[in-house]
Amino acid sequence: MDLENIGDSLDGPPLVTFWGSDEPGSPFRLGTFEYDWHCHARGQLFCIESGLVHMRTPAGSWLLPPRRAGWIPPGVMHKASTNGVLSGWGILLTPAASAGLPKTPCVLSVTEVLRALVQRTATWHWEERLSPPQRRLAAVLMDEVRAAPTESLHLPMPADRRVLRIAEAVLADLAREQTFHELAQQAGISERSARRLFNVETGMSFASWRQQARLLLALEYLTAGQSIIEVADGLGYASASSFIAMFRKAFGLSPRRYFSVRKS
């Protein structure tokens, strides 16, 4: 089975699952890679067991930490970078099979039931017609996918070039505490207009957007092995405790608990 061809073709089964690793010969090769802009005819749901995936779309970017599933709807342009991904799995869905799933890219929570179903169905020979028990199992798998809640790991980017300059300036140095007035001046736009456009185009206030950017970068640093103190200092937090409080407010767990839950 050629996964690349299946991803770009609507022929064959509506749902195909696969398991991958960084080992030579794996049908879904992982590791550390850069994938340039591209799209697929099928929707893609993919989950990593370790490492980190940074996904970009025209509407923004998001991070995929371990034990979460990234969803890319059919036909959506995207690019990605993977870092230290040793194993993971994916599901390829035709547009019809994608009905009921989010219309925009997002990150979904993964249950042990969903993971076990993918592990089971990834051994099937998808070129063959599914038996009635297999069809029932595939239907349960899709029920699990559709029921998965989304997670707030997305960073929307503004389209207006002046407001985009503000966003890019912040991302270039997240530890720097520039005021919005200073950033708007540098971008050649009034503060009032910039705030209005920023809210309209990202759906977030500037303060919330900058906090989200810092939290996503914090996830990247923590996944790479940096300590909580190093991350808090590198992102401009006054102390490790203030960073932990902000992290817990956003994700409901402390950084240590957040990653231990995902590993378990």
C-alpha atoms as a PDB file:
ATOM      1  CA  MET A   1       0.000   0.000   0.000  1.00  0.00           C
ATOM      2  CA  ASP A   2       1.458   3.357  -1.046  1.00  0.00           C
ATOM      3  CA  LEU A   3       0.304   5.859   1.558  1.00  0.00           C
ATOM      4  CA  GLU A   4       1.288   8.898  -0.505  1.00  0.00           C
ATOM      5  CA  ASN A   5      -0.810   7.726  -3.443  1.00  0.00           C
ATOM      6  CA  ILE A   6      -3.769   6.887  -1.219  1.00  0.00           C
ATOM      7  CA  GLY A   7      -3.603  10.332   0.385  1.00  0.00           C
ATOM      8  CA  ASP A   8      -3.861  11.938  -3.038  1.00  0.00           C
ATOM      9  CA  SER A   9      -6.511   9.577  -4.426  1.00  0.00           C
ATOM     10  CA  LEU A  10     -10.204   9.140  -3.689  1.00  0.00           C
ATOM     11  CA  ASP A  11     -10.157   5.585  -5.017  1.00  0.00           C
ATOM     12  CA  GLY A  12     -10.097   2.682  -2.617  1.00  0.00           C
ATOM     13  CA  PRO A  13     -11.566   2.466   0.890  1.00  0.00           C
ATOM     14  CA  PRO A  14     -13.003   5.611   2.503  1.00  0.00           C
ATOM     15  CA  LEU A  15     -10.852   5.064   5.610  1.00  0.00           C
ATOM     16  CA  VAL A  16      -7.250   3.832   5.830  1.00  0.00           C
ATOM     17  CA  THR A  17      -5.235   3.611   9.054  1.00  0.00           C
ATOM     18  CA  PHE A  18      -1.486   3.116   9.398  1.00  0.00           C
ATOM     19  CA  TRP A  19       1.260   3.003  12.018  1.00  0.00           C
ATOM     20  CA  GLY A  20       4.700   4.494  11.447  1.00  0.00           C
ATOM     21  CA  SER A  21       8.155   4.847  12.974  1.00  0.00           C
ATOM     22  CA  ASP A  22      11.601   6.230  12.169  1.00  0.00           C
ATOM     23  CA  GLU A  23      12.804   2.744  11.208  1.00  0.00           C
ATOM     24  CA  PRO A  24      13.891   2.124   7.576  1.00  0.00           C
ATOM     25  CA  GLY A  25      11.148   0.430   5.614  1.00  0.00           C
ATOM     26  CA  SER A  26       8.314   1.876   7.695  1.00  0.00           C
ATOM     27  CA  PRO A  27       5.285   2.663   5.467  1.00  0.00           C
ATOM     28  CA  PHE A  28       4.958   5.961   7.328  1.00  0.00           C
ATOM     29  CA  ARG A  29       8.521   7.214   7.891  1.00  0.00           C
ATOM     30  CA  LEU A  30       8.994   9.513  10.872  1.00  0.00           C
ATOM     31  CA  GLY A  31      11.953  11.214  12.546  1.00  0.00           C
ATOM     32  CA  THR A  32      13.024  14.819  11.924  1.00  0.00           C
ATOM     33  CA  PHE A  33      11.810  16.236   8.609  1.00  0.00           C
ATOM     34  CA  GLU A  34      10.615  19.392   6.866  1.00  0.00           C
ATOM     35  CA  TYR A  35       7.616  19.159   4.542  1.00  0.00           C
ATOM     36  CA  ASP A  36       6.983  22.120   2.221  1.00  0.00           C
ATOM     37  CA  TRP A  37       3.552  23.470   1.271  1.00  0.00           C
ATOM     38  CA  HIS A  38       1.247  20.771  -0.110  1.00  0.00           C
ATOM     39  CA  CYS A  39      -2.282  19.394   0.164  1.00  0.00           C
ATOM     40  CA  HIS A  40      -4.042  16.046  -0.172  1.00  0.00           C
ATOM     41  CA  ALA A  41      -7.337  14.890  -1.636  1.00  0.00           C
ATOM     42  CA  ARG A  42      -8.038  13.005   1.582  1.00  0.00           C
ATOM     43  CA  GLY A  43      -8.295  14.377   5.082  1.00  0.00           C
ATOM     44  CA  GLN A  44      -5.453  13.428   7.421  1.00  0.00           C
ATOM     45  CA  LEU A  45      -5.633  12.665  11.122  1.00  0.00           C
ATOM     46  CA  PHE A  46      -2.235  11.918  12.629  1.00  0.00           C
ATOM     47  CA  CYS A  47      -0.883  11.399  16.116  1.00  0.00           C
ATOM     48  CA  ILE A  48       2.695  11.164  17.395  1.00  0.00           C
ATOM     49  CA  GLU A  49       3.885   9.113  20.356  1.00  0.00           C
ATOM     50  CA  SER A  50       6.987  11.235  21.001  1.00  0.00           C
ATOM     51  CA  GLY A  51       8.628  14.425  19.755  1.00  0.00           C
ATOM     52  CA  LEU A  52       6.785  17.403  18.305  1.00  0.00           C
ATOM     53  CA  VAL A  53       5.099  18.462  15.060  1.00  0.00           C
ATOM     54  CA  HIS A  54       4.811  22.136  14.066  1.00  0.00           C
ATOM     55  CA  MET A  55       2.062  22.558  11.477  1.00  0.00           C
ATOM     56  CA  ARG A  56       1.418  25.704   9.431  1.00  0.00           C
ATOM     57  CA  THR A  57      -1.595  26.624   7.322  1.00  0.00           C
ATOM     58  CA  PRO A  58      -2.497  29.914   5.590  1.00  0.00           C
ATOM     59  CA  ALA A  59      -4.748  30.712   8.570  1.00  0.00           C
ATOM     60  CA  GLY A  60      -2.111  30.214  11.247  1.00  0.00           C
ATOM     61  CA  SER A  61       0.021  27.621  12.968  1.00  0.00           C
ATOM     62  CA  TRP A  62      -0.333  25.044  15.704  1.00  0.00           C
ATOM     63  CA  LEU A  63       1.716  22.546  17.640  1.00  0.00           C
ATOM     64  CA  LEU A  64       1.100  18.838  17.976  1.00  0.00           C
ATOM     65  CA  PRO A  65       2.625  17.448  21.182  1.00  0.00           C
ATOM     66  CA  PRO A  66       2.681  13.692  21.920  1.00  0.00           C
ATOM     67  CA  ARG A  67      -0.608  11.812  22.293  1.00  0.00           C
ATOM     68  CA  ARG A  68      -2.715  14.312  20.411  1.00  0.00           C
ATOM     69  CA  ALA A  69      -4.094  14.072  16.897  1.00  0.00           C
ATOM     70  CA  GLY A  70      -3.715  16.775  14.274  1.00  0.00           C
ATOM     71  CA  TRP A  71      -6.571  17.114  11.785  1.00  0.00           C
ATOM     72  CA  ILE A  72      -6.055  18.485   8.259  1.00  0.00           C
ATOM     73  CA  PRO A  73      -9.299  18.540   6.210  1.00  0.00           C
ATOM     74  CA  PRO A  74      -9.217  17.420   2.562  1.00  0.00           C
ATOM     75  CA  GLY A  75      -7.641  19.927   0.170  1.00  0.00           C
ATOM     76  CA  VAL A  76      -6.192  22.279   2.822  1.00  0.00           C
ATOM     77  CA  MET A  77      -2.708  23.618   2.080  1.00  0.00           C
ATOM     78  CA  HIS A  78      -0.208  23.018   4.872  1.00  0.00           C
ATOM     79  CA  LYS A  79       3.468  22.594   5.671  1.00  0.00           C
ATOM     80  CA  ALA A  80       5.019  20.810   8.611  1.00  0.00           C
ATOM     81  CA  SER A  81       8.206  20.166  10.509  1.00  0.00           C
ATOM     82  CA  THR A  82       8.751  17.145  12.747  1.00  0.00           C
ATOM     83  CA  ASN A  83      11.345  16.936  15.484  1.00  0.00           C
ATOM     84  CA  GLY A  84      12.343  13.717  17.229  1.00  0.00           C
ATOM     85  CA  VAL A  85       9.196  11.828  16.227  1.00  0.00           C
ATOM     86  CA  LEU A  86       9.969   8.129  16.775  1.00  0.00           C
ATOM     87  CA  SER A  87       6.529   6.596  16.335  1.00  0.00           C
ATOM     88  CA  GLY A  88       2.995   7.596  15.476  1.00  0.00           C
ATOM     89  CA  TRP A  89      -0.118   6.734  13.525  1.00  0.00           C
ATOM     90  CA  GLY A  90      -2.530   8.235  11.046  1.00  0.00           C
ATOM     91  CA  ILE A  91      -5.902   7.949   9.345  1.00  0.00           C
ATOM     92  CA  LEU A  92      -6.655   8.950   5.743  1.00  0.00           C
ATOM     93  CA  LEU A  93     -10.282   9.870   5.049  1.00  0.00           C
ATOM     94  CA  THR A  94     -12.167  10.652   1.864  1.00  0.00           C
ATOM     95  CA  PRO A  95     -14.222  13.879   1.879  1.00  0.00           C
ATOM     96  CA  ALA A  96     -17.385  11.825   2.447  1.00  0.00           C
ATOM     97  CA  ALA A  97     -15.829  10.010   5.405  1.00  0.00           C
ATOM     98  CA  SER A  98     -14.644  13.377   6.767  1.00  0.00           C
ATOM     99  CA  ALA A  99     -18.233  14.592   7.196  1.00  0.00           C
ATOM    100  CA  GLY A 100     -18.863  15.577  10.788  1.00  0.00           C
ATOM    101  CA  LEU A 101     -15.236  16.476  11.454  1.00  0.00           C
ATOM    102  CA  PRO A 102     -14.022  20.095  11.850  1.00  0.00           C
ATOM    103  CA  LYS A 103     -13.881  22.132   8.638  1.00  0.00           C
ATOM    104  CA  THR A 104     -10.583  23.764   9.635  1.00  0.00           C
ATOM    105  CA  PRO A 105      -7.274  22.298  10.882  1.00  0.00           C
ATOM    106  CA  CYS A 106      -7.170  21.627  14.610  1.00  0.00           C
ATOM    107  CA  VAL A 107      -5.773  19.431  17.366  1.00  0.00           C
ATOM    108  CA  LEU A 108      -7.957  16.693  18.856  1.00  0.00           C
ATOM    109  CA  SER A 109      -7.654  14.800  22.120  1.00  0.00           C
ATOM    110  CA  VAL A 110      -6.818  11.105  21.790  1.00  0.00           C
ATOM    111  CA  THR A 111      -8.356   8.390  23.955  1.00  0.00           C
ATOM    112  CA  GLU A 112      -6.809   4.994  24.604  1.00  0.00           C
ATOM    113  CA  VAL A 113      -9.818   3.477  22.833  1.00  0.00           C
ATOM    114  CA  LEU A 114      -9.070   5.433  19.642  1.00  0.00           C
ATOM    115  CA  ARG A 115      -5.377   4.537  19.806  1.00  0.00           C
ATOM    116  CA  ALA A 116      -6.184   0.842  20.271  1.00  0.00           C
ATOM    117  CA  LEU A 117      -8.636   0.889  17.353  1.00  0.00           C
ATOM    118  CA  VAL A 118      -6.029   2.408  15.026  1.00  0.00           C
ATOM    119  CA  GLN A 119      -3.434  -0.110  16.186  1.00  0.00           C
ATOM    120  CA  ARG A 120      -5.871  -2.921  15.417  1.00  0.00           C
ATOM    121  CA  THR A 121      -7.081  -1.665  12.042  1.00  0.00           C
ATOM    122  CA  ALA A 122      -3.583  -0.717  10.829  1.00  0.00           C
ATOM    123  CA  THR A 123      -2.898  -4.450  10.367  1.00  0.00           C
ATOM    124  CA  TRP A 124      -5.723  -4.854   7.857  1.00  0.00           C
ATOM    125  CA  HIS A 125      -5.127  -5.347   4.147  1.00  0.00           C
ATOM    126  CA  TRP A 126      -6.989  -2.327   2.839  1.00  0.00           C
ATOM    127  CA  GLU A 127      -6.882  -3.553  -0.743  1.00  0.00           C
ATOM    128  CA  GLU A 128      -9.305  -6.306   0.278  1.00  0.00           C
ATOM    129  CA  ARG A 129     -13.008  -5.878   0.908  1.00  0.00           C
ATOM    130  CA  LEU A 130     -13.798  -5.439   4.592  1.00  0.00           C
ATOM    131  CA  SER A 131     -15.740  -8.142   6.387  1.00  0.00           C
ATOM    132  CA  PRO A 132     -18.885  -7.191   8.361  1.00  0.00           C
ATOM    133  CA  PRO A 133     -16.981  -7.274  11.709  1.00  0.00           C
ATOM    134  CA  GLN A 134     -14.270  -5.057  10.209  1.00  0.00           C
ATOM    135  CA  ARG A 135     -16.846  -2.566   8.942  1.00  0.00           C
ATOM    136  CA  ARG A 136     -18.397  -2.388  12.405  1.00  0.00           C
ATOM    137  CA  LEU A 137     -14.986  -1.787  13.982  1.00  0.00           C
ATOM    138  CA  ALA A 138     -14.227   0.944  11.423  1.00  0.00           C
ATOM    139  CA  ALA A 139     -17.565   2.589  12.267  1.00  0.00           C
ATOM    140  CA  VAL A 140     -16.678   2.581  15.979  1.00  0.00           C
ATOM    141  CA  LEU A 141     -13.299   4.129  15.127  1.00  0.00           C
ATOM    142  CA  MET A 142     -15.001   6.962  13.241  1.00  0.00           C
ATOM    143  CA  ASP A 143     -17.409   7.497  16.149  1.00  0.00           C
ATOM    144  CA  GLU A 144     -14.384   7.940  18.435  1.00  0.00           C
ATOM    145  CA  VAL A 145     -12.795  10.446  16.043  1.00  0.00           C
ATOM    146  CA  ARG A 146     -15.982  12.501  15.706  1.00  0.00           C
ATOM    147  CA  ALA A 147     -16.449  12.558  19.487  1.00  0.00           C
ATOM    148  CA  ALA A 148     -12.890  13.753  20.190  1.00  0.00           C
ATOM    149  CA  PRO A 149     -12.815  17.268  21.710  1.00  0.00           C
ATOM    150  CA  THR A 150     -10.558  19.939  20.226  1.00  0.00           C
ATOM    151  CA  GLU A 151      -7.623  21.416  22.137  1.00  0.00           C
ATOM    152  CA  SER A 152      -6.508  25.062  22.170  1.00  0.00           C
ATOM    153  CA  LEU A 153      -3.147  24.643  20.454  1.00  0.00           C
ATOM    154  CA  HIS A 154      -3.772  26.926  17.470  1.00  0.00           C
ATOM    155  CA  LEU A 155      -2.266  30.363  16.862  1.00  0.00           C
ATOM    156  CA  PRO A 156      -4.287  32.304  14.248  1.00  0.00           C
ATOM    157  CA  MET A 157      -2.375  34.780  12.093  1.00  0.00           C
ATOM    158  CA  PRO A 158      -3.841  38.070  10.776  1.00  0.00           C
ATOM    159  CA  ALA A 159      -4.085  38.604   7.023  1.00  0.00           C
ATOM    160  CA  ASP A 160      -3.690  42.405   6.928  1.00  0.00           C
ATOM    161  CA  ARG A 161      -0.007  43.031   6.127  1.00  0.00           C
ATOM    162  CA  ARG A 162       0.367  45.805   8.745  1.00  0.00           C
ATOM    163  CA  VAL A 163      -1.154  43.752  11.545  1.00  0.00           C
ATOM    164  CA  LEU A 164       0.816  40.732  10.347  1.00  0.00           C
ATOM    165  CA  ARG A 165       3.986  42.787  10.921  1.00  0.00           C
ATOM    166  CA  ILE A 166       2.909  43.231  14.536  1.00  0.00           C
ATOM    167  CA  ALA A 167       2.355  39.494  14.966  1.00  0.00           C
ATOM    168  CA  GLU A 168       5.670  38.626  13.340  1.00  0.00           C
ATOM    169  CA  ALA A 169       7.532  41.157  15.511  1.00  0.00           C
ATOM    170  CA  VAL A 170       6.101  39.544  18.629  1.00  0.00           C
ATOM    171  CA  LEU A 171       6.965  36.024  17.450  1.00  0.00           C
ATOM    172  CA  ALA A 172      10.530  37.113  16.691  1.00  0.00           C
ATOM    173  CA  ASP A 173      11.122  37.847  20.398  1.00  0.00           C
ATOM    174  CA  LEU A 174       8.381  36.588  22.711  1.00  0.00           C
ATOM    175  CA  ALA A 175      10.331  37.535  25.835  1.00  0.00           C
ATOM    176  CA  ARG A 176      10.347  41.221  24.880  1.00  0.00           C
ATOM    177  CA  GLU A 177       7.561  43.299  26.450  1.00  0.00           C
ATOM    178  CA  GLN A 178       6.817  45.867  23.751  1.00  0.00           C
ATOM    179  CA  THR A 179       3.549  47.746  24.137  1.00  0.00           C
ATOM    180  CA  PHE A 180       0.906  47.441  21.457  1.00  0.00           C
ATOM    181  CA  HIS A 181       1.254  51.176  20.817  1.00  0.00           C
ATOM    182  CA  GLU A 182       4.964  50.739  20.018  1.00  0.00           C
ATOM    183  CA  LEU A 183       4.291  47.757  17.768  1.00  0.00           C
ATOM    184  CA  ALA A 184       1.537  49.593  15.884  1.00  0.00           C
ATOM    185  CA  GLN A 185       3.815  52.591  15.324  1.00  0.00           C
ATOM    186  CA  GLN A 186       6.530  50.341  13.907  1.00  0.00           C
ATOM    187  CA  ALA A 187       3.977  48.727  11.586  1.00  0.00           C
ATOM    188  CA  GLY A 188       2.716  52.087  10.301  1.00  0.00           C
ATOM    189  CA  ILE A 189      -0.853  51.839  11.597  1.00  0.00           C
ATOM    190  CA  SER A 190      -2.784  53.597  14.353  1.00  0.00           C
ATOM    191  CA  GLU A 191      -3.191  51.693  17.602  1.00  0.00           C
ATOM    192  CA  ARG A 192      -6.990  51.889  17.395  1.00  0.00           C
ATOM    193  CA  SER A 193      -7.141  50.472  13.862  1.00  0.00           C
ATOM    194  CA  ALA A 194      -4.562  47.812  14.694  1.00  0.00           C
ATOM    195  CA  ARG A 195      -6.513  46.601  17.736  1.00  0.00           C
ATOM    196  CA  ARG A 196      -9.743  46.418  15.751  1.00  0.00           C
ATOM    197  CA  LEU A 197      -8.124  44.507  12.884  1.00  0.00           C
ATOM    198  CA  PHE A 198      -6.234  42.201  15.226  1.00  0.00           C
ATOM    199  CA  ASN A 199      -9.441  41.227  17.030  1.00  0.00           C
ATOM    200  CA  VAL A 200     -11.385  40.731  13.789  1.00  0.00           C
ATOM    201  CA  GLU A 201      -8.728  38.732  11.937  1.00  0.00           C
ATOM    202  CA  THR A 202      -7.514  36.478  14.759  1.00  0.00           C
ATOM    203  CA  GLY A 203     -10.640  36.293  16.899  1.00  0.00           C
ATOM    204  CA  MET A 204      -8.486  37.143  19.928  1.00  0.00           C
ATOM    205  CA  SER A 205      -7.335  40.220  21.779  1.00  0.00           C
ATOM    206  CA  PHE A 206      -3.656  41.057  21.365  1.00  0.00           C
ATOM    207  CA  ALA A 207      -2.921  40.138  25.009  1.00  0.00           C
ATOM    208  CA  SER A 208      -4.607  36.742  24.629  1.00  0.00           C
ATOM    209  CA  TRP A 209      -2.846  36.122  21.317  1.00  0.00           C
ATOM    210  CA  ARG A 210       0.604  36.882  22.766  1.00  0.00           C
ATOM    211  CA  GLN A 211      -0.123  34.644  25.745  1.00  0.00           C
ATOM    212  CA  GLN A 212      -1.181  31.837  23.383  1.00  0.00           C
ATOM    213  CA  ALA A 213       2.015  32.281  21.356  1.00  0.00           C
ATOM    214  CA  ARG A 214       4.108  32.019  24.509  1.00  0.00           C
ATOM    215  CA  LEU A 215       2.268  28.927  25.698  1.00  0.00           C
ATOM    216  CA  LEU A 216       2.719  27.150  22.370  1.00  0.00           C
ATOM    217  CA  LEU A 217       6.418  27.950  22.327  1.00  0.00           C
ATOM    218  CA  ALA A 218       6.614  26.764  25.933  1.00  0.00           C
ATOM    219  CA  LEU A 219       5.190  23.400  24.858  1.00  0.00           C
ATOM    220  CA  GLU A 220       7.855  23.194  22.169  1.00  0.00           C
ATOM    221  CA  TYR A 221      10.649  23.971  24.640  1.00  0.00           C
ATOM    222  CA  LEU A 222       9.326  21.582  27.303  1.00  0.00           C
ATOM    223  CA  THR A 223       8.983  18.776  24.768  1.00  0.00           C
ATOM    224  CA  ALA A 224      12.602  19.388  23.745  1.00  0.00           C
ATOM    225  CA  GLY A 225      13.693  18.824  27.348  1.00  0.00           C
ATOM    226  CA  GLN A 226      14.126  22.344  28.732  1.00  0.00           C
ATOM    227  CA  SER A 227      13.349  22.828  32.419  1.00  0.00           C
ATOM    228  CA  ILE A 228      10.382  24.856  33.633  1.00  0.00           C
ATOM    229  CA  ILE A 229      12.754  27.516  34.979  1.00  0.00           C
ATOM    230  CA  GLU A 230      14.559  27.781  31.624  1.00  0.00           C
ATOM    231  CA  VAL A 231      11.281  28.079  29.724  1.00  0.00           C
ATOM    232  CA  ALA A 232       9.834  30.690  32.087  1.00  0.00           C
ATOM    233  CA  ASP A 233      12.990  32.786  31.880  1.00  0.00           C
ATOM    234  CA  GLY A 234      13.297  32.442  28.102  1.00  0.00           C
ATOM    235  CA  LEU A 235       9.716  33.592  27.517  1.00  0.00           C
ATOM    236  CA  GLY A 236       9.867  36.609  29.810  1.00  0.00           C
ATOM    237  CA  TYR A 237       7.811  35.385  32.766  1.00  0.00           C
ATOM    238  CA  ALA A 238       8.635  37.025  36.101  1.00  0.00           C
ATOM    239  CA  SER A 239       9.094  33.651  37.777  1.00  0.00           C
ATOM    240  CA  ALA A 240       8.631  29.927  37.266  1.00  0.00           C
ATOM    241  CA  SER A 241       5.540  30.032  39.487  1.00  0.00           C
ATOM    242  CA  SER A 242       3.885  32.716  37.330  1.00  0.00           C
ATOM    243  CA  PHE A 243       4.572  30.609  34.235  1.00  0.00           C
ATOM    244  CA  ILE A 244       3.133  27.497  35.908  1.00  0.00           C
ATOM    245  CA  ALA A 245       0.022  29.455  36.928  1.00  0.00           C
ATOM    246  CA  MET A 246      -0.504  30.680  33.358  1.00  0.00           C
ATOM    247  CA  PHE A 247       0.076  27.176  31.976  1.00  0.00           C
ATOM    248  CA  ARG A 248      -2.414  25.669  34.428  1.00  0.00           C
ATOM    249  CA  LYS A 249      -4.993  28.332  33.569  1.00  0.00           C
ATOM    250  CA  ALA A 250      -4.675  27.531  29.846  1.00  0.00           C
ATOM    251  CA  PHE A 251      -4.430  23.724  29.953  1.00  0.00           C
ATOM    252  CA  GLY A 252      -5.975  22.812  33.304  1.00  0.00           C
ATOM    253  CA  LEU A 253      -2.786  21.098  34.502  1.00  0.00           C
ATOM    254  CA  SER A 254       0.702  22.051  35.609  1.00  0.00           C
ATOM    255  CA  PRO A 255       3.431  21.495  32.966  1.00  0.00           C
ATOM    256  CA  ARG A 256       4.740  18.439  34.826  1.00  0.00           C
ATOM    257  CA  ARG A 257       1.293  16.907  35.173  1.00  0.00           C
ATOM    258  CA  TYR A 258       0.382  17.798  31.584  1.00  0.00           C
ATOM    259  CA  PHE A 259       3.235  15.751  30.161  1.00  0.00           C
ATOM    260  CA  SER A 260       2.971  12.888  32.659  1.00  0.00           C
ATOM    261  CA  VAL A 261      -0.701  12.408  31.769  1.00  0.00           C
ATOM    262  CA  ARG A 262       0.162  12.235  28.064  1.00  0.00           C
ATOM    263  CA  LYS A 263       2.938   9.713  28.673  1.00  0.00           C
ATOM    264  CA  SER A 264       0.611   7.490  30.676  1.00  0.00           C
END
